[in-house]
Amino acid sequence: MMNKIALVTLLVGFVRQDNAKNGTTREVTVRDGETVTVRLAVAANPKTVLTAVTFPEAIKSVISAWDPKDLSVEHDASKLFLKLLSKAEGHLDVLTVDGLHARLYLLPAAAEFDSHVVLKRAPDRPEPKASAPASSGALELIKSMRLGEVSADATVHRGSGELLFEDDRVRATLLWVYDAGRFRGIVAGVANRSDKDAAYVDLSRFQAEDLVLVGARETQISPGKATRLYLVFSKR
């Protein structure tokens, strides 16, 4: 069962290195203060490529610490237009007229890039009940997984290196399984099999039944390198 859950999640979550010349359009649900990764093509004469980001409402202001020689930024109404001029990466903060604060993490795309990212405002979370909220303990679990620690109420089992997913670009194997109260955590090793192209993990696209939290040590995997993926599920 654990293998099946992890496999479905990995299949949905990975952004593969498809050589799409026109880029991709994707929709991302965002809450106030959350970070969204945006992959930009690096402009090079005579090729100029723009990426558009559409917000749920009109943009009020853009806060940038970028050097103009690295990034061109323009906006009109609810649309933000980005042109990456060098192989640089970093944050760009955007505030909308209705108070949404979205943090964009911009990075150069090794292959497939985002031509259009449509941000949708996530529905408000329900008010927590008097009892412990559904996610209580999940944050602590994913923190301990990242740090390699074991809390007093948790048990940890070493994975056997079981193969969770593999194609010609990436390979994912089971490293550790955590059990802590109402939650089960998976630590997976994700290796980039390419020796020339980076691979990307888009955490906003992960979805699986009972998935509570997902994180990664790095979302960009350099050629021949590996990262770790952290998944926390509710046992119900």
Protein backbone atom coordinates (compact mmCIF):
# COMPACT_ATOMS: atom_id res chain seq x y z
CA MET A 1 0.00 0.00 0.00
CA MET A 2 2.79 2.40 0.89
CA ASN A 3 4.54 1.70 -2.39
CA LYS A 4 1.33 2.35 -4.31
CA ILE A 5 0.66 5.67 -2.59
CA ALA A 6 4.22 6.88 -3.08
CA LEU A 7 4.26 5.77 -6.71
CA VAL A 8 1.06 7.63 -7.58
CA THR A 9 2.33 10.77 -5.87
CA LEU A 10 5.69 10.67 -7.62
CA LEU A 11 4.11 10.10 -11.03
CA VAL A 12 1.94 13.19 -10.64
CA GLY A 13 4.53 15.40 -9.00
CA PHE A 14 7.57 15.21 -11.26
CA VAL A 15 8.15 17.82 -13.94
CA ARG A 16 10.11 16.01 -16.61
CA GLN A 17 12.56 17.38 -19.14
CA ASP A 18 10.39 17.40 -22.25
CA ASN A 19 11.91 19.45 -25.05
CA ALA A 20 8.90 21.70 -25.52
CA LYS A 21 9.98 24.64 -27.66
CA ASN A 22 6.87 26.65 -26.85
CA GLY A 23 6.98 26.04 -23.11
CA THR A 24 4.10 24.87 -20.96
CA THR A 25 1.01 26.40 -19.38
CA ARG A 26 0.11 25.28 -15.88
CA GLU A 27 -2.24 26.27 -13.09
CA VAL A 28 -1.04 26.56 -9.49
CA THR A 29 -3.12 27.02 -6.35
CA VAL A 30 -1.52 29.47 -3.93
CA ARG A 31 -2.15 30.81 -0.44
CA ASP A 32 -0.89 34.07 1.02
CA GLY A 33 2.87 33.99 1.53
CA GLU A 34 3.47 30.72 -0.30
CA THR A 35 6.31 30.26 -2.79
CA VAL A 36 5.71 29.19 -6.39
CA THR A 37 8.59 28.05 -8.59
CA VAL A 38 8.62 29.54 -12.10
CA ARG A 39 10.99 28.17 -14.75
CA LEU A 40 12.22 30.78 -17.23
CA ALA A 41 13.97 30.42 -20.55
CA VAL A 42 17.17 32.45 -20.73
CA ALA A 43 16.92 35.06 -23.48
CA ALA A 44 19.65 34.96 -26.12
CA ASN A 45 19.86 36.92 -29.38
CA PRO A 46 18.01 36.58 -31.64
CA LYS A 47 15.65 34.59 -29.39
CA THR A 48 13.60 36.46 -26.78
CA VAL A 49 11.20 34.46 -24.63
CA LEU A 50 8.66 35.91 -22.19
CA THR A 51 6.93 34.08 -19.38
CA ALA A 52 3.54 35.38 -18.23
CA VAL A 53 2.19 34.90 -14.71
CA THR A 54 -1.51 35.61 -14.20
CA PHE A 55 -2.68 36.47 -10.67
CA PRO A 56 -6.19 36.05 -9.24
CA GLU A 57 -6.63 39.84 -9.15
CA ALA A 58 -4.82 42.99 -10.25
CA ILE A 59 -1.23 43.49 -9.14
CA LYS A 60 -0.63 46.28 -6.62
CA SER A 61 3.14 46.20 -6.44
CA VAL A 62 6.20 44.13 -7.31
CA ILE A 63 9.10 43.95 -4.84
CA SER A 64 12.35 43.02 -6.52
CA ALA A 65 16.01 42.92 -5.53
CA TRP A 66 17.03 41.71 -9.01
CA ASP A 67 19.66 43.49 -11.05
CA PRO A 68 18.07 44.86 -14.27
CA LYS A 69 20.81 43.15 -16.27
CA ASP A 70 19.54 39.77 -15.02
CA LEU A 71 15.75 40.15 -15.17
CA SER A 72 13.22 42.28 -17.02
CA VAL A 73 9.89 42.70 -15.18
CA GLU A 74 6.71 44.37 -16.40
CA HIS A 75 3.11 44.10 -15.25
CA ASP A 76 -0.32 45.20 -16.40
CA ALA A 77 -3.54 44.60 -14.46
CA SER A 78 -3.33 40.97 -13.23
CA LYS A 79 -0.49 39.88 -15.52
CA LEU A 80 3.23 39.82 -14.82
CA PHE A 81 5.71 39.47 -17.71
CA LEU A 82 9.20 38.11 -17.06
CA LYS A 83 12.28 37.89 -19.26
CA LEU A 84 15.38 36.23 -17.83
CA LEU A 85 18.53 37.84 -19.25
CA SER A 86 21.15 35.67 -17.52
CA LYS A 87 21.44 32.35 -15.74
CA ALA A 88 20.46 33.74 -12.33
CA GLU A 89 17.81 32.67 -9.86
CA GLY A 90 16.04 34.13 -6.84
CA HIS A 91 12.82 35.44 -5.33
CA LEU A 92 10.40 38.01 -6.70
CA ASP A 93 7.57 39.15 -4.41
CA VAL A 94 4.19 40.31 -5.70
CA LEU A 95 1.32 41.95 -3.79
CA THR A 96 -2.20 42.11 -5.27
CA VAL A 97 -4.91 44.68 -4.64
CA ASP A 98 -6.83 42.20 -2.48
CA GLY A 99 -3.84 41.56 -0.23
CA LEU A 100 -2.45 38.32 -1.64
CA HIS A 101 1.32 38.03 -1.21
CA ALA A 102 2.85 35.53 -3.65
CA ARG A 103 6.56 34.70 -3.61
CA LEU A 104 7.85 33.61 -6.99
CA TYR A 105 11.11 31.67 -7.09
CA LEU A 106 12.56 32.25 -10.55
CA LEU A 107 15.14 29.91 -11.99
CA PRO A 108 16.56 29.19 -15.44
CA ALA A 109 15.02 26.20 -17.19
CA ALA A 110 17.40 23.57 -18.50
CA ALA A 111 14.85 22.35 -21.05
CA GLU A 112 11.10 22.79 -20.59
CA PHE A 113 10.10 26.26 -19.39
CA ASP A 114 6.89 27.91 -18.22
CA SER A 115 5.31 30.04 -20.91
CA HIS A 116 2.28 30.83 -18.74
CA VAL A 117 1.61 30.20 -15.05
CA VAL A 118 -1.95 30.84 -13.83
CA LEU A 119 -2.21 31.39 -10.08
CA LYS A 120 -5.51 30.51 -8.41
CA ARG A 121 -6.28 31.61 -4.88
CA ALA A 122 -6.68 28.59 -2.61
CA PRO A 123 -9.96 28.31 -0.70
CA ASP A 124 -9.85 29.44 2.89
CA ARG A 125 -8.96 26.73 5.34
CA PRO A 126 -11.81 25.84 7.71
CA GLU A 127 -11.55 27.13 11.25
CA PRO A 128 -9.86 24.53 13.47
CA LYS A 129 -12.08 22.65 15.86
CA ALA A 130 -11.47 22.53 19.58
CA SER A 131 -9.78 19.18 19.11
CA ALA A 132 -6.37 18.87 17.46
CA PRO A 133 -6.47 19.91 13.79
CA ALA A 134 -5.99 17.28 11.12
CA SER A 135 -2.45 18.45 10.39
CA SER A 136 -1.36 18.62 14.03
CA GLY A 137 1.90 16.71 14.26
CA ALA A 138 2.49 16.57 10.50
CA LEU A 139 4.76 19.62 10.48
CA GLU A 140 6.81 18.22 13.35
CA LEU A 141 7.12 14.92 11.48
CA ILE A 142 8.36 16.45 8.22
CA LYS A 143 10.85 18.57 10.18
CA SER A 144 12.26 15.50 11.89
CA MET A 145 12.43 13.69 8.55
CA ARG A 146 14.45 16.56 7.06
CA LEU A 147 16.83 16.57 10.03
CA GLY A 148 17.09 12.78 10.26
CA GLU A 149 15.77 12.81 13.82
CA VAL A 150 13.31 10.46 15.56
CA SER A 151 10.79 11.85 18.06
CA ALA A 152 9.75 9.94 21.17
CA ASP A 153 6.38 8.92 19.68
CA ALA A 154 7.77 7.81 16.30
CA THR A 155 9.21 4.62 14.88
CA VAL A 156 11.45 4.53 11.84
CA HIS A 157 12.09 1.71 9.41
CA ARG A 158 14.90 1.75 6.89
CA GLY A 159 13.73 1.29 3.32
CA SER A 160 15.18 -1.52 1.31
CA GLY A 161 15.96 0.73 -1.63
CA GLU A 162 12.69 -0.43 -3.17
CA LEU A 163 12.16 1.16 -6.57
CA LEU A 164 9.20 3.56 -6.50
CA PHE A 165 9.52 5.10 -9.94
CA GLU A 166 11.93 5.09 -12.84
CA ASP A 167 12.12 6.39 -16.38
CA ASP A 168 14.97 7.52 -18.61
CA ARG A 169 15.28 10.80 -16.66
CA VAL A 170 14.79 10.12 -12.94
CA ARG A 171 14.88 7.23 -10.48
CA ALA A 172 13.13 7.27 -7.09
CA THR A 173 13.79 4.76 -4.31
CA LEU A 174 12.42 4.26 -0.80
CA LEU A 175 14.90 5.29 1.92
CA TRP A 176 12.94 5.57 5.19
CA VAL A 177 9.39 5.09 6.51
CA TYR A 178 8.30 7.04 9.61
CA ASP A 179 5.24 6.17 11.75
CA ALA A 180 4.17 8.84 14.22
CA GLY A 181 0.67 8.86 15.67
CA ARG A 182 -1.87 9.60 12.97
CA PHE A 183 0.76 10.13 10.27
CA ARG A 184 3.10 8.11 8.11
CA GLY A 185 6.09 9.70 6.43
CA ILE A 186 8.14 8.62 3.44
CA VAL A 187 11.67 9.73 2.65
CA ALA A 188 12.50 8.96 -0.99
CA GLY A 189 15.78 9.40 -2.80
CA VAL A 190 15.35 10.97 -6.23
CA ALA A 191 18.28 10.77 -8.66
CA ASN A 192 18.64 12.65 -11.95
CA ARG A 193 19.84 10.09 -14.47
CA SER A 194 20.78 12.68 -17.09
CA ASP A 195 24.41 13.76 -17.37
CA LYS A 196 23.58 17.06 -19.09
CA ASP A 197 20.07 18.32 -18.16
CA ALA A 198 18.71 19.39 -14.77
CA ALA A 199 15.49 17.84 -13.49
CA TYR A 200 12.84 19.72 -11.53
CA VAL A 201 10.35 18.72 -8.85
CA ASP A 202 7.24 20.94 -8.84
CA LEU A 203 5.79 20.48 -5.35
CA SER A 204 2.60 22.33 -6.30
CA ARG A 205 1.62 19.45 -8.60
CA PHE A 206 1.80 16.69 -6.01
CA GLN A 207 -1.55 15.13 -5.21
CA ALA A 208 -2.61 11.88 -3.60
CA GLU A 209 -5.33 10.74 -1.25
CA ASP A 210 -4.48 11.54 2.38
CA LEU A 211 -1.37 13.54 1.41
CA VAL A 212 -0.90 16.20 4.12
CA LEU A 213 2.54 17.71 3.46
CA VAL A 214 5.25 17.41 0.82
CA GLY A 215 8.73 18.87 0.69
CA ALA A 216 12.08 18.41 -1.00
CA ARG A 217 15.68 19.07 -0.02
CA GLU A 218 16.11 20.77 -3.42
CA THR A 219 13.55 21.25 -6.18
CA GLN A 220 16.21 21.47 -8.91
CA ILE A 221 18.36 18.36 -9.37
CA SER A 222 21.63 18.94 -11.19
CA PRO A 223 22.78 16.41 -13.81
CA GLY A 224 23.95 13.20 -12.15
CA LYS A 225 22.93 14.41 -8.68
CA ALA A 226 20.14 13.43 -6.27
CA THR A 227 17.76 15.02 -3.81
CA ARG A 228 15.41 13.81 -1.11
CA LEU A 229 11.63 13.97 -1.21
CA TYR A 230 9.55 14.10 2.00
CA LEU A 231 5.91 12.96 2.00
CA VAL A 232 3.55 12.92 4.97
CA PHE A 233 0.25 11.03 4.77
CA SER A 234 -2.67 10.80 7.16
CA LYS A 235 -3.45 7.28 8.34
CA ARG A 236 -7.06 8.30 8.98
